C-alpha atoms as a PDB file:
ATOM      1  CA  MET A   1      48.095  -4.187 -24.157  1.00  0.00           C
ATOM      2  CA  ASN A   2      46.377  -3.451 -27.475  1.00  0.00           C
ATOM      3  CA  SER A   3      44.035  -6.103 -28.793  1.00  0.00           C
ATOM      4  CA  PRO A   4      40.820  -6.394 -30.773  1.00  0.00           C
ATOM      5  CA  ASP A   5      37.773  -6.227 -28.570  1.00  0.00           C
ATOM      6  CA  PRO A   6      36.310  -9.776 -28.433  1.00  0.00           C
ATOM      7  CA  ARG A   7      32.985  -8.391 -27.332  1.00  0.00           C
ATOM      8  CA  GLY A   8      32.531  -6.874 -30.792  1.00  0.00           C
ATOM      9  CA  THR A   9      32.297  -3.475 -29.136  1.00  0.00           C
ATOM     10  CA  THR A  10      29.163  -4.042 -27.098  1.00  0.00           C
ATOM     11  CA  LEU A  11      27.885  -0.487 -27.413  1.00  0.00           C
ATOM     12  CA  LYS A  12      28.300  -0.537 -31.205  1.00  0.00           C
ATOM     13  CA  ALA A  13      27.225  -4.015 -32.162  1.00  0.00           C
ATOM     14  CA  ILE A  14      25.338  -2.965 -35.322  1.00  0.00           C
ATOM     15  CA  ALA A  15      26.849  -0.769 -38.036  1.00  0.00           C
ATOM     16  CA  THR A  16      25.055   2.545 -38.389  1.00  0.00           C
ATOM     17  CA  THR A  17      25.541   5.828 -40.219  1.00  0.00           C
ATOM     18  CA  TYR A  18      25.998   9.291 -38.801  1.00  0.00           C
ATOM     19  CA  ASN A  19      22.852  11.408 -38.940  1.00  0.00           C
ATOM     20  CA  ARG A  20      23.789  15.055 -38.489  1.00  0.00           C
ATOM     21  CA  GLY A  21      20.265  16.323 -37.865  1.00  0.00           C
ATOM     22  CA  HIS A  22      19.504  13.595 -35.343  1.00  0.00           C
ATOM     23  CA  HIS A  23      22.723  14.304 -33.451  1.00  0.00           C
ATOM     24  CA  ALA A  24      22.164  18.081 -33.463  1.00  0.00           C
ATOM     25  CA  PHE A  25      18.676  17.619 -32.053  1.00  0.00           C
ATOM     26  CA  ALA A  26      20.008  15.258 -29.360  1.00  0.00           C
ATOM     27  CA  VAL A  27      22.582  17.881 -28.355  1.00  0.00           C
ATOM     28  CA  PHE A  28      19.858  20.536 -28.258  1.00  0.00           C
ATOM     29  CA  THR A  29      17.706  18.315 -26.027  1.00  0.00           C
ATOM     30  CA  ALA A  30      20.612  17.784 -23.634  1.00  0.00           C
ATOM     31  CA  CYS A  31      21.221  21.553 -23.467  1.00  0.00           C
ATOM     32  CA  ALA A  32      17.521  22.159 -22.860  1.00  0.00           C
ATOM     33  CA  THR A  33      17.660  19.663 -19.996  1.00  0.00           C
ATOM     34  CA  PHE A  34      20.488  21.631 -18.401  1.00  0.00           C
ATOM     35  CA  VAL A  35      18.353  24.781 -18.660  1.00  0.00           C
ATOM     36  CA  VAL A  36      15.464  22.986 -16.912  1.00  0.00           C
ATOM     37  CA  ILE A  37      17.762  21.832 -14.086  1.00  0.00           C
ATOM     38  CA  THR A  38      19.045  25.378 -13.645  1.00  0.00           C
ATOM     39  CA  ALA A  39      15.486  26.729 -13.645  1.00  0.00           C
ATOM     40  CA  GLY A  40      14.544  24.166 -11.005  1.00  0.00           C
ATOM     41  CA  ALA A  41      17.489  25.246  -8.866  1.00  0.00           C
ATOM     42  CA  LEU A  42      16.253  28.831  -9.140  1.00  0.00           C
ATOM     43  CA  VAL A  43      12.839  27.722  -7.857  1.00  0.00           C
ATOM     44  CA  THR A  44      14.282  25.953  -4.814  1.00  0.00           C
ATOM     45  CA  SER A  45      16.877  28.618  -4.051  1.00  0.00           C
ATOM     46  CA  ASN A  46      14.210  31.337  -4.069  1.00  0.00           C
ATOM     47  CA  ASP A  47      11.780  29.255  -1.948  1.00  0.00           C
ATOM     48  CA  ALA A  48       9.305  29.499  -4.820  1.00  0.00           C
ATOM     49  CA  GLY A  49       8.212  25.861  -5.002  1.00  0.00           C
ATOM     50  CA  LEU A  50       4.626  26.527  -3.903  1.00  0.00           C
ATOM     51  CA  SER A  51       4.224  29.918  -5.556  1.00  0.00           C
ATOM     52  CA  VAL A  52       1.876  28.243  -8.045  1.00  0.00           C
ATOM     53  CA  PRO A  53      -0.391  26.158  -5.776  1.00  0.00           C
ATOM     54  CA  ASP A  54      -2.042  23.843  -8.320  1.00  0.00           C
ATOM     55  CA  TRP A  55      -0.836  21.204 -10.790  1.00  0.00           C
ATOM     56  CA  PRO A  56      -0.942  20.345 -13.683  1.00  0.00           C
ATOM     57  CA  THR A  57      -2.677  23.681 -14.211  1.00  0.00           C
ATOM     58  CA  SER A  58      -1.274  27.029 -13.086  1.00  0.00           C
ATOM     59  CA  PHE A  59      -3.902  29.083 -11.264  1.00  0.00           C
ATOM     60  CA  GLY A  60      -6.493  27.036 -13.120  1.00  0.00           C
ATOM     61  CA  TYR A  61      -5.004  27.469 -16.611  1.00  0.00           C
ATOM     62  CA  LEU A  62      -2.726  25.295 -18.711  1.00  0.00           C
ATOM     63  CA  ILE A  63      -1.223  28.020 -20.913  1.00  0.00           C
ATOM     64  CA  LYS A  64      -2.223  31.476 -19.642  1.00  0.00           C
ATOM     65  CA  VAL A  65       0.700  33.538 -18.348  1.00  0.00           C
ATOM     66  CA  PRO A  66       0.036  34.622 -14.731  1.00  0.00           C
ATOM     67  CA  HIS A  67       1.151  37.832 -13.084  1.00  0.00           C
ATOM     68  CA  PHE A  68       4.807  37.467 -12.148  1.00  0.00           C
ATOM     69  CA  VAL A  69       4.490  38.301  -8.474  1.00  0.00           C
ATOM     70  CA  GLY A  70       7.040  37.025  -5.968  1.00  0.00           C
ATOM     71  CA  GLY A  71       8.231  33.524  -6.779  1.00  0.00           C
ATOM     72  CA  VAL A  72       5.595  32.926  -9.470  1.00  0.00           C
ATOM     73  CA  ARG A  73       8.045  33.981 -12.199  1.00  0.00           C
ATOM     74  CA  TYR A  74      10.453  31.201 -11.187  1.00  0.00           C
ATOM     75  CA  GLU A  75       7.940  28.413 -10.663  1.00  0.00           C
ATOM     76  CA  TRP A  76       5.821  29.131 -13.749  1.00  0.00           C
ATOM     77  CA  SER A  77       8.887  29.559 -15.981  1.00  0.00           C
ATOM     78  CA  HIS A  78      10.276  26.274 -14.683  1.00  0.00           C
ATOM     79  CA  ARG A  79       7.025  24.522 -15.563  1.00  0.00           C
ATOM     80  CA  MET A  80       6.995  25.962 -19.057  1.00  0.00           C
ATOM     81  CA  VAL A  81      10.562  24.958 -19.931  1.00  0.00           C
ATOM     82  CA  ALA A  82       9.961  21.551 -18.342  1.00  0.00           C
ATOM     83  CA  GLY A  83       6.846  21.085 -20.466  1.00  0.00           C
ATOM     84  CA  SER A  84       8.836  22.009 -23.569  1.00  0.00           C
ATOM     85  CA  LEU A  85      11.426  19.415 -22.571  1.00  0.00           C
ATOM     86  CA  VAL A  86       8.757  16.706 -22.539  1.00  0.00           C
ATOM     87  CA  THR A  87       7.903  17.615 -26.125  1.00  0.00           C
ATOM     88  CA  LEU A  88      11.581  17.606 -27.142  1.00  0.00           C
ATOM     89  CA  THR A  89      12.109  14.218 -25.522  1.00  0.00           C
ATOM     90  CA  LEU A  90       9.093  12.745 -27.291  1.00  0.00           C
ATOM     91  CA  ALA A  91      10.467  14.081 -30.577  1.00  0.00           C
ATOM     92  CA  ILE A  92      13.960  12.646 -30.043  1.00  0.00           C
ATOM     93  CA  ALA A  93      12.461   9.301 -28.992  1.00  0.00           C
ATOM     94  CA  ILE A  94      10.322   9.060 -32.126  1.00  0.00           C
ATOM     95  CA  TRP A  95      13.192  10.222 -34.326  1.00  0.00           C
ATOM     96  CA  THR A  96      15.490   7.625 -32.792  1.00  0.00           C
ATOM     97  CA  LEU A  97      12.942   4.847 -33.295  1.00  0.00           C
ATOM     98  CA  ILE A  98      12.647   5.802 -36.955  1.00  0.00           C
ATOM     99  CA  VAL A  99      16.294   6.281 -37.989  1.00  0.00           C
ATOM    100  CA  GLU A 100      18.349   4.157 -35.573  1.00  0.00           C
ATOM    101  CA  ARG A 101      19.441   0.597 -36.317  1.00  0.00           C
ATOM    102  CA  ARG A 102      20.979   0.102 -32.875  1.00  0.00           C
ATOM    103  CA  ARG A 103      18.276  -1.550 -30.787  1.00  0.00           C
ATOM    104  CA  TRP A 104      19.864  -0.616 -27.471  1.00  0.00           C
ATOM    105  CA  LEU A 105      19.843   3.069 -28.461  1.00  0.00           C
ATOM    106  CA  ARG A 106      16.181   2.865 -29.426  1.00  0.00           C
ATOM    107  CA  TRP A 107      15.440   1.428 -25.999  1.00  0.00           C
ATOM    108  CA  LEU A 108      17.517   4.174 -24.381  1.00  0.00           C
ATOM    109  CA  ALA A 109      15.461   6.819 -26.191  1.00  0.00           C
ATOM    110  CA  VAL A 110      12.236   5.194 -24.973  1.00  0.00           C
ATOM    111  CA  GLY A 111      13.723   5.075 -21.477  1.00  0.00           C
ATOM    112  CA  ALA A 112      14.507   8.778 -21.721  1.00  0.00           C
ATOM    113  CA  PHE A 113      10.884   9.586 -22.469  1.00  0.00           C
ATOM    114  CA  CYS A 114       9.687   7.412 -19.565  1.00  0.00           C
ATOM    115  CA  THR A 115      12.174   9.158 -17.286  1.00  0.00           C
ATOM    116  CA  VAL A 116      11.035  12.642 -18.233  1.00  0.00           C
ATOM    117  CA  ILE A 117       7.405  11.637 -17.625  1.00  0.00           C
ATOM    118  CA  ALA A 118       8.361  10.290 -14.197  1.00  0.00           C
ATOM    119  CA  GLN A 119      10.170  13.550 -13.566  1.00  0.00           C
ATOM    120  CA  ALA A 120       7.070  15.576 -14.446  1.00  0.00           C
ATOM    121  CA  ILE A 121       4.900  13.459 -12.142  1.00  0.00           C
ATOM    122  CA  LEU A 122       7.342  13.864  -9.254  1.00  0.00           C
ATOM    123  CA  GLY A 123       7.337  17.605  -9.878  1.00  0.00           C
ATOM    124  CA  GLY A 124       3.559  17.628  -9.624  1.00  0.00           C
ATOM    125  CA  LEU A 125       3.611  15.562  -6.435  1.00  0.00           C
ATOM    126  CA  THR A 126       5.964  18.052  -4.793  1.00  0.00           C
ATOM    127  CA  VAL A 127       3.276  20.681  -5.270  1.00  0.00           C
ATOM    128  CA  LEU A 128       0.241  18.553  -4.431  1.00  0.00           C
ATOM    129  CA  PHE A 129       1.814  17.222  -1.215  1.00  0.00           C
ATOM    130  CA  PHE A 130       3.440  20.525  -0.222  1.00  0.00           C
ATOM    131  CA  GLN A 131       7.080  19.641  -0.958  1.00  0.00           C
ATOM    132  CA  PRO A 132       7.784  16.538   1.146  1.00  0.00           C
ATOM    133  CA  PRO A 133      11.594  16.249   1.337  1.00  0.00           C
ATOM    134  CA  VAL A 134      11.707  12.674   0.005  1.00  0.00           C
ATOM    135  CA  VAL A 135       9.590  13.450  -3.058  1.00  0.00           C
ATOM    136  CA  SER A 136      11.385  16.735  -3.741  1.00  0.00           C
ATOM    137  CA  THR A 137      14.752  15.006  -3.487  1.00  0.00           C
ATOM    138  CA  ALA A 138      13.576  12.235  -5.822  1.00  0.00           C
ATOM    139  CA  HIS A 139      12.458  14.964  -8.243  1.00  0.00           C
ATOM    140  CA  ALA A 140      15.997  16.395  -8.223  1.00  0.00           C
ATOM    141  CA  ALA A 141      17.674  12.983  -8.557  1.00  0.00           C
ATOM    142  CA  VAL A 142      15.511  11.899 -11.488  1.00  0.00           C
ATOM    143  CA  ALA A 143      16.152  15.248 -13.201  1.00  0.00           C
ATOM    144  CA  GLN A 144      19.891  14.669 -13.107  1.00  0.00           C
ATOM    145  CA  THR A 145      19.406  11.064 -14.213  1.00  0.00           C
ATOM    146  CA  PHE A 146      17.496  12.278 -17.244  1.00  0.00           C
ATOM    147  CA  PHE A 147      20.256  14.787 -17.975  1.00  0.00           C
ATOM    148  CA  CYS A 148      22.792  11.952 -17.991  1.00  0.00           C
ATOM    149  CA  ILE A 149      20.610   9.948 -20.392  1.00  0.00           C
ATOM    150  CA  ALA A 150      20.197  12.949 -22.694  1.00  0.00           C
ATOM    151  CA  VAL A 151      23.961  13.571 -22.736  1.00  0.00           C
ATOM    152  CA  ALA A 152      24.585   9.874 -23.424  1.00  0.00           C
ATOM    153  CA  ILE A 153      22.204   9.923 -26.407  1.00  0.00           C
ATOM    154  CA  ALA A 154      24.028  12.977 -27.736  1.00  0.00           C
ATOM    155  CA  LEU A 155      27.311  11.069 -27.374  1.00  0.00           C
ATOM    156  CA  PHE A 156      26.034   7.893 -29.042  1.00  0.00           C
ATOM    157  CA  THR A 157      24.648   9.786 -32.042  1.00  0.00           C
ATOM    158  CA  GLY A 158      27.840  11.807 -32.570  1.00  0.00           C
ATOM    159  CA  ARG A 159      30.089  11.387 -35.593  1.00  0.00           C
ATOM    160  CA  ARG A 160      33.099  10.312 -33.542  1.00  0.00           C
ATOM    161  CA  TRP A 161      31.192   7.553 -31.755  1.00  0.00           C
ATOM    162  CA  VAL A 162      29.578   6.259 -34.943  1.00  0.00           C
ATOM    163  CA  GLU A 163      32.581   6.382 -37.266  1.00  0.00           C
ATOM    164  CA  GLU A 164      35.694   5.878 -35.126  1.00  0.00           C
ATOM    165  CA  GLN A 165      37.396   2.545 -34.619  1.00  0.00           C
ATOM    166  CA  PRO A 166      37.834   2.297 -30.836  1.00  0.00           C
ATOM    167  CA  ARG A 167      41.362   1.902 -29.538  1.00  0.00           C
ATOM    168  CA  VAL A 168      41.040  -0.911 -27.021  1.00  0.00           C
ATOM    169  CA  GLU A 169      43.461  -1.603 -24.184  1.00  0.00           C
ATOM    170  CA  PHE A 170      42.524  -4.293 -21.678  1.00  0.00           C
ATOM    171  CA  GLU A 171      42.622  -3.291 -18.030  1.00  0.00           C
ATOM    172  CA  GLN A 172      45.070  -5.295 -15.915  1.00  0.00           C
ATOM    173  CA  ARG A 173      44.866  -3.404 -12.612  1.00  0.00           C
ATOM    174  CA  ARG A 174      42.543  -3.968  -9.690  1.00  0.00           C
ATOM    175  CA  PRO A 175      40.178  -2.394  -9.025  1.00  0.00           C
ATOM    176  CA  SER A 176      39.609  -1.756 -12.709  1.00  0.00           C
ATOM    177  CA  LEU A 177      39.144   1.778 -13.985  1.00  0.00           C
ATOM    178  CA  PHE A 178      35.596   0.898 -15.011  1.00  0.00           C
ATOM    179  CA  THR A 179      34.851  -0.231 -11.450  1.00  0.00           C
ATOM    180  CA  LEU A 180      36.199   3.081 -10.181  1.00  0.00           C
ATOM    181  CA  THR A 181      33.973   5.055 -12.564  1.00  0.00           C
ATOM    182  CA  LEU A 182      30.926   3.138 -11.353  1.00  0.00           C
ATOM    183  CA  LEU A 183      31.967   3.910  -7.771  1.00  0.00           C
ATOM    184  CA  CYS A 184      32.221   7.576  -8.735  1.00  0.00           C
ATOM    185  CA  ILE A 185      28.668   7.551 -10.064  1.00  0.00           C
ATOM    186  CA  PHE A 186      27.429   5.840  -6.893  1.00  0.00           C
ATOM    187  CA  VAL A 187      29.045   8.304  -4.480  1.00  0.00           C
ATOM    188  CA  LEU A 188      27.835  11.229  -6.597  1.00  0.00           C
ATOM    189  CA  TYR A 189      24.264   9.948  -6.390  1.00  0.00           C
ATOM    190  CA  VAL A 190      24.575   9.605  -2.619  1.00  0.00           C
ATOM    191  CA  GLN A 191      25.865  13.170  -2.505  1.00  0.00           C
ATOM    192  CA  LEU A 192      23.000  14.315  -4.713  1.00  0.00           C
ATOM    193  CA  ILE A 193      20.457  12.729  -2.365  1.00  0.00           C
ATOM    194  CA  LEU A 194      22.094  14.139   0.766  1.00  0.00           C
ATOM    195  CA  GLY A 195      22.237  17.592  -0.814  1.00  0.00           C
ATOM    196  CA  GLY A 196      18.613  17.383  -1.932  1.00  0.00           C
ATOM    197  CA  MET A 197      17.446  16.355   1.520  1.00  0.00           C
ATOM    198  CA  PHE A 198      19.353  19.274   3.041  1.00  0.00           C
ATOM    199  CA  ARG A 199      17.998  21.787   0.537  1.00  0.00           C
ATOM    200  CA  HIS A 200      14.445  20.575   1.158  1.00  0.00           C
ATOM    201  CA  HIS A 201      14.821  20.630   4.950  1.00  0.00           C
ATOM    202  CA  GLY A 202      14.756  16.869   5.451  1.00  0.00           C
ATOM    203  CA  LEU A 203      18.297  16.509   6.753  1.00  0.00           C
ATOM    204  CA  SER A 204      21.035  18.532   8.419  1.00  0.00           C
ATOM    205  CA  TRP A 205      23.937  19.921   6.418  1.00  0.00           C
ATOM    206  CA  TRP A 206      26.731  17.861   7.974  1.00  0.00           C
ATOM    207  CA  PRO A 207      26.115  14.474   6.182  1.00  0.00           C
ATOM    208  CA  HIS A 208      26.350  16.291   2.858  1.00  0.00           C
ATOM    209  CA  VAL A 209      29.555  18.057   3.858  1.00  0.00           C
ATOM    210  CA  LEU A 210      31.197  14.924   5.283  1.00  0.00           C
ATOM    211  CA  HIS A 211      30.306  12.845   2.245  1.00  0.00           C
ATOM    212  CA  ALA A 212      31.910  15.498   0.042  1.00  0.00           C
ATOM    213  CA  VAL A 213      35.245  14.251   1.406  1.00  0.00           C
ATOM    214  CA  VAL A 214      34.414  10.727   0.205  1.00  0.00           C
ATOM    215  CA  VAL A 215      33.357  12.028  -3.199  1.00  0.00           C
ATOM    216  CA  SER A 216      36.548  14.058  -3.565  1.00  0.00           C
ATOM    217  CA  PHE A 217      38.740  11.076  -2.729  1.00  0.00           C
ATOM    218  CA  VAL A 218      36.989   8.650  -5.082  1.00  0.00           C
ATOM    219  CA  LEU A 219      36.831  11.078  -8.017  1.00  0.00           C
ATOM    220  CA  ALA A 220      40.448  12.158  -7.559  1.00  0.00           C
ATOM    221  CA  TRP A 221      41.564   8.509  -7.388  1.00  0.00           C
ATOM    222  CA  THR A 222      39.700   7.720 -10.593  1.00  0.00           C
ATOM    223  CA  ALA A 223      40.969  10.790 -12.447  1.00  0.00           C
ATOM    224  CA  VAL A 224      44.575  10.155 -11.430  1.00  0.00           C
ATOM    225  CA  ARG A 225      44.325   6.515 -12.557  1.00  0.00           C
ATOM    226  CA  ALA A 226      42.808   7.516 -15.896  1.00  0.00           C
ATOM    227  CA  LEU A 227      45.318  10.295 -16.568  1.00  0.00           C
ATOM    228  CA  SER A 228      48.415   8.471 -15.368  1.00  0.00           C
ATOM    229  CA  VAL A 229      47.743   5.225 -17.259  1.00  0.00           C
ATOM    230  CA  TYR A 230      45.454   6.052 -20.188  1.00  0.00           C
ATOM    231  CA  SER A 231      46.176   9.692 -21.005  1.00  0.00           C
ATOM    232  CA  HIS A 232      47.094   8.639 -24.567  1.00  0.00           C
ATOM    233  CA  ILE A 233      43.458   7.645 -25.177  1.00  0.00           C
ATOM    234  CA  GLU A 234      41.735  10.946 -25.915  1.00  0.00           C
ATOM    235  CA  ALA A 235      38.238   9.597 -25.254  1.00  0.00           C
ATOM    236  CA  VAL A 236      39.310   8.767 -21.693  1.00  0.00           C
ATOM    237  CA  ARG A 237      41.660  11.679 -21.069  1.00  0.00           C
ATOM    238  CA  ARG A 238      39.246  14.500 -21.919  1.00  0.00           C
ATOM    239  CA  PRO A 239      36.326  13.515 -19.640  1.00  0.00           C
ATOM    240  CA  ALA A 240      38.802  12.637 -16.865  1.00  0.00           C
ATOM    241  CA  ILE A 241      40.322  16.126 -16.993  1.00  0.00           C
ATOM    242  CA  LEU A 242      36.869  17.707 -17.150  1.00  0.00           C
ATOM    243  CA  MET A 243      35.652  15.586 -14.224  1.00  0.00           C
ATOM    244  CA  LEU A 244      38.600  16.652 -12.089  1.00  0.00           C
ATOM    245  CA  SER A 245      38.147  20.317 -13.023  1.00  0.00           C
ATOM    246  CA  LEU A 246      34.420  20.243 -12.290  1.00  0.00           C
ATOM    247  CA  MET A 247      35.058  18.510  -8.964  1.00  0.00           C
ATOM    248  CA  ILE A 248      37.404  21.300  -7.842  1.00  0.00           C
ATOM    249  CA  THR A 249      34.918  23.934  -9.015  1.00  0.00           C
ATOM    250  CA  GLN A 250      32.109  22.119  -7.220  1.00  0.00           C
ATOM    251  CA  LEU A 251      34.045  22.034  -3.955  1.00  0.00           C
ATOM    252  CA  CYS A 252      34.596  25.787  -4.161  1.00  0.00           C
ATOM    253  CA  LEU A 253      30.930  26.411  -4.946  1.00  0.00           C
ATOM    254  CA  GLY A 254      29.875  24.073  -2.160  1.00  0.00           C
ATOM    255  CA  PHE A 255      31.965  26.017   0.349  1.00  0.00           C
ATOM    256  CA  THR A 256      30.494  29.294  -0.931  1.00  0.00           C
ATOM    257  CA  SER A 257      26.966  27.887  -0.728  1.00  0.00           C
ATOM    258  CA  PHE A 258      27.602  26.734   2.839  1.00  0.00           C
ATOM    259  CA  LEU A 259      28.786  30.209   3.833  1.00  0.00           C
ATOM    260  CA  THR A 260      25.909  32.059   2.177  1.00  0.00           C
ATOM    261  CA  ARG A 261      23.162  29.630   3.231  1.00  0.00           C
ATOM    262  CA  VAL A 262      24.231  28.274   6.628  1.00  0.00           C
ATOM    263  CA  ALA A 263      26.841  30.606   8.102  1.00  0.00           C
ATOM    264  CA  TRP A 264      25.636  33.990   6.859  1.00  0.00           C
ATOM    265  CA  GLY A 265      22.048  33.488   5.699  1.00  0.00           C
ATOM    266  CA  ARG A 266      20.600  31.392   8.506  1.00  0.00           C
ATOM    267  CA  ASP A 267      18.447  34.231   9.870  1.00  0.00           C
ATOM    268  CA  ALA A 268      17.674  35.933   6.553  1.00  0.00           C
ATOM    269  CA  VAL A 269      13.990  36.741   6.036  1.00  0.00           C
ATOM    270  CA  GLN A 270      14.199  35.731   2.379  1.00  0.00           C
ATOM    271  CA  PRO A 271      16.907  34.197   0.178  1.00  0.00           C
ATOM    272  CA  GLU A 272      19.589  36.760  -0.595  1.00  0.00           C
ATOM    273  CA  LEU A 273      21.255  37.124  -3.990  1.00  0.00           C
ATOM    274  CA  PRO A 274      24.681  35.664  -3.040  1.00  0.00           C
ATOM    275  CA  MET A 275      22.994  32.548  -1.642  1.00  0.00           C
ATOM    276  CA  VAL A 276      20.782  32.139  -4.720  1.00  0.00           C
ATOM    277  CA  VAL A 277      23.668  32.563  -7.168  1.00  0.00           C
ATOM    278  CA  SER A 278      26.049  30.224  -5.336  1.00  0.00           C
ATOM    279  CA  THR A 279      23.410  27.550  -4.777  1.00  0.00           C
ATOM    280  CA  VAL A 280      22.146  27.574  -8.362  1.00  0.00           C
ATOM    281  CA  ALA A 281      25.724  27.383  -9.642  1.00  0.00           C
ATOM    282  CA  HIS A 282      26.414  24.525  -7.214  1.00  0.00           C
ATOM    283  CA  VAL A 283      23.446  22.534  -8.553  1.00  0.00           C
ATOM    284  CA  ALA A 284      24.301  23.283 -12.192  1.00  0.00           C
ATOM    285  CA  VAL A 285      27.953  22.274 -11.866  1.00  0.00           C
ATOM    286  CA  GLY A 286      26.880  19.182  -9.922  1.00  0.00           C
ATOM    287  CA  ALA A 287      24.729  18.122 -12.862  1.00  0.00           C
ATOM    288  CA  LEU A 288      27.630  18.643 -15.261  1.00  0.00           C
ATOM    289  CA  LEU A 289      29.923  16.670 -12.960  1.00  0.00           C
ATOM    290  CA  LEU A 290      27.564  13.693 -12.794  1.00  0.00           C
ATOM    291  CA  ALA A 291      27.011  13.678 -16.564  1.00  0.00           C
ATOM    292  CA  THR A 292      30.756  13.931 -17.224  1.00  0.00           C
ATOM    293  CA  THR A 293      31.405  11.000 -14.900  1.00  0.00           C
ATOM    294  CA  VAL A 294      28.798   8.922 -16.733  1.00  0.00           C
ATOM    295  CA  ILE A 295      30.486   9.781 -20.048  1.00  0.00           C
ATOM    296  CA  LEU A 296      33.851   8.769 -18.590  1.00  0.00           C
ATOM    297  CA  ALA A 297      32.381   5.430 -17.487  1.00  0.00           C
ATOM    298  CA  ILE A 298      30.976   4.830 -20.984  1.00  0.00           C
ATOM    299  CA  GLN A 299      34.275   5.666 -22.669  1.00  0.00           C
ATOM    300  CA  VAL A 300      36.219   3.467 -20.257  1.00  0.00           C
ATOM    301  CA  TRP A 301      33.789   0.613 -20.957  1.00  0.00           C
ATOM    302  CA  ARG A 302      34.449   1.092 -24.657  1.00  0.00           C
ATOM    303  CA  HIS A 303      38.196   1.687 -24.684  1.00  0.00           C
ATOM    304  CA  VAL A 304      39.550   0.082 -21.489  1.00  0.00           C
ATOM    305  CA  PRO A 305      37.534  -3.111 -20.909  1.00  0.00           C
ATOM    306  CA  VAL A 306      38.372  -5.838 -18.440  1.00  0.00           C
ATOM    307  CA  PRO A 307      39.347  -9.041 -20.316  1.00  0.00           C
ATOM    308  CA  PHE A 308      36.330 -11.335 -20.298  1.00  0.00           C
ATOM    309  CA  GLU A 309      38.343 -14.418 -19.385  1.00  0.00           C
ATOM    310  CA  GLU A 310      39.592 -12.651 -16.242  1.00  0.00           C
ATOM    311  CA  ARG A 311      36.016 -12.153 -15.076  1.00  0.00           C
ATOM    312  CA  LEU A 312      35.362 -15.899 -14.995  1.00  0.00           C
ATOM    313  CA  PRO A 313      35.954 -17.991 -11.870  1.00  0.00           C
ATOM    314  CA  GLU A 314      39.171 -20.021 -11.943  1.00  0.00           C
ATOM    315  CA  ALA A 315      37.302 -23.325 -12.325  1.00  0.00           C
ATOM    316  CA  GLN A 316      35.561 -22.017 -15.469  1.00  0.00           C
ATOM    317  CA  ARG A 317      38.798 -20.764 -17.027  1.00  0.00           C
ATOM    318  CA  ASP A 318      40.681 -24.009 -16.343  1.00  0.00           C
ATOM    319  CA  PRO A 319      38.488 -27.138 -16.366  1.00  0.00           C
ATOM    320  CA  SER A 320      41.313 -29.197 -14.871  1.00  0.00           C
ATOM    321  CA  ALA A 321      41.179 -27.057 -11.736  1.00  0.00           C
ATOM    322  CA  ALA A 322      37.715 -28.334 -10.922  1.00  0.00           C
END
């Protein structure tokens, strides 16, 4: 059912103009975040987390390049690209505060900067406290959260988001597609935490593997609903297809990572190349999958809302029923 959105399009309540430079820089920041996540996966996969024993300095220096011996090349490089990301995030936050009329987007940019600072602190704590599994897992979870925020800012500053007139169709099914997308994000975060605890030796592998079945079911259910009912809405169809494709890829990479890390590499003296490659790819695709699911949830919120009157209790909709 097509109808004007009575909410006034919540995520676009104030008219704004497309700023090409601002959007390009937001996209660049999101890409840089993906590079940092990949670099962090290289650190963990190569057991290089404590190769540089101090923080925030590196062997007593803030800038000086150390000798790249052993895992130092991975850990130091990760710190450098992460430090650059802090600068990029500060720049995009200031730029957004200056040029944006949408208050909620200004707050999101400020939240992004706070998140990247929290991420840096958690990274330092993993070193200072010798990689406790809980802190290291929180470091990974916050990194992917920041990536989702950076991708969302890139979406909100894009020409299509700013200039298009959303095609709205009210959701009539239960559970709603938006509810399913939120469930997808929840189960992906649980999977992220279980995987982080396993990678940092705080948990066995089997909870992560078993929960992958739950994740696959929920994401497949959501994608099928989106594609079977709302495939004519491009903003919903494209992230739904990408989410489903990334999920299948992630399952294959997860199986490969399990073979190389648990089945074949259990007694390896040091991480072997197949294990490093499969694990890093597994983390990178997982980040893309989570970000894509967040984008799908945002687009569903915009294009396939639940009618407000259907959210109200019966007594509030019909005073005579009280």
